[in-house]
């Protein structure tokens, strides 16, 4: 029986990237995936949603380009063509991952993996009757949508009235009325797209603000931009039932109804820790598989990375966690750090954030200065955003005179925020950061302007 150096259970961003790194380092590796390489992110999340959002952005340009001296008449959206292009993008990328696995000598086992236990030779995982043995096991089973016990919700999922992130990306007919339960990133991105292409969208959120832990001033600006699109927000409201043709919710103690042709349930995601034999290994689970800074579990030789550990459910976090696990297996000194993980909302405008907000810093007892500038300080932003209301906020540690957080709402924010993450990760002092030359004219140089306003 062949024994692998590493069995990777799950072929999403964590799994395929970790398998690639392990294979490149000479580890004999097998990655097990029950659906398609790329997992939820590539097939049902990050990538397909961005394909839809870009189509929506292009369509919106045709509706607003008069501001820039360009006149377009008769533009329309072809939802079937949008979905077809999305599928083409996904297929291309999935194929590319398969080629990478071959390049680095990684064995791909298609099917649902079931942990059998541990023998003297290593961990054993069965896939379609074939048993794979590995000296190390990396669990990357990801997450699944949370489906709360709201009356009618599960029934709606069965008959197609209610959708999760998977089904909403395959709609070939734009719903006239879409109700989104949950004002987090997934819900907002889909609300933005479908509102742009013609749906009347209502977002129902239990909190008094949208976008979860996002800086509240920025989330407020974001909501104003969404409201200009025609999105209705019901904040501080609790959904009480989902019925055919409507969503019932409680607002200020009163029962209200929102009519709907389709409902998107995007309340959150939970780590997948059941259904694949994890209990046979005695791995400790608490709202996800518990891991240390090297992604090690309480069982020697078993690692967990990505959404399954419940720490930071972002694909780019998953990439890095998988790399830390592989480096640990290789005997390289490495550890996972979460203080400079960027987050992005890919709507129009985009939101980019990394590090501490003013509120989170103060909650930790940190003495901070917050510098805020309008994005209009950037010549390029002003040239490309008629009536734009974006801002950037830089949170600075007064004691050590270094950046703790950067939060911005603007076009290109997703492409800029990594630079802010680098500032935080390297712990460079403000004076040294001021010496870095930014290209001009660019949107990113507004961060440099903010640094010069630090006292």
Foldseek 3Di string as FASTA:
>chain_A
DDEWQEEEEAQALLRLLLLLVLLQVPTAYEYEHAPAHRPCCLQQHVQLLVLLQVLLVVQVCQVPVVVVVDHDPDDADQLQVSLVVSVVSSVVVSVVSVVSCVVSNYHYAYRHWAWPAADPQATWIDGPRDIYGHNFYEYEQAKDADDDPAAPRVVCPVVVQEDESRVLSNDRDQWQEEEEEAQAQSSVSSLQSSLSNHHQYEYEHLAQFHHPPAQRVQSVLVVVVSVVSNYHYHYNKAFRHDDQQWTWIAHPNDIDIDGTSHYYYHHDIFAPDDDRHPVNHVQDDDSAGDAFFLQDTPGPRYGYFECRRVDDNDSVRSSVSSNSNSCVSVVHDDTRDQQFDWDWRVHVFIKIKGFDDPVRCVVVVFDKDKFKDFLVVQVVQCSVDVVDGKMKIWIAGPVLQFTGMIIITGHCNVVQSVVVSVRNVVVDHLVVVLPDDDDPRDSNCVVSVRSVVDD
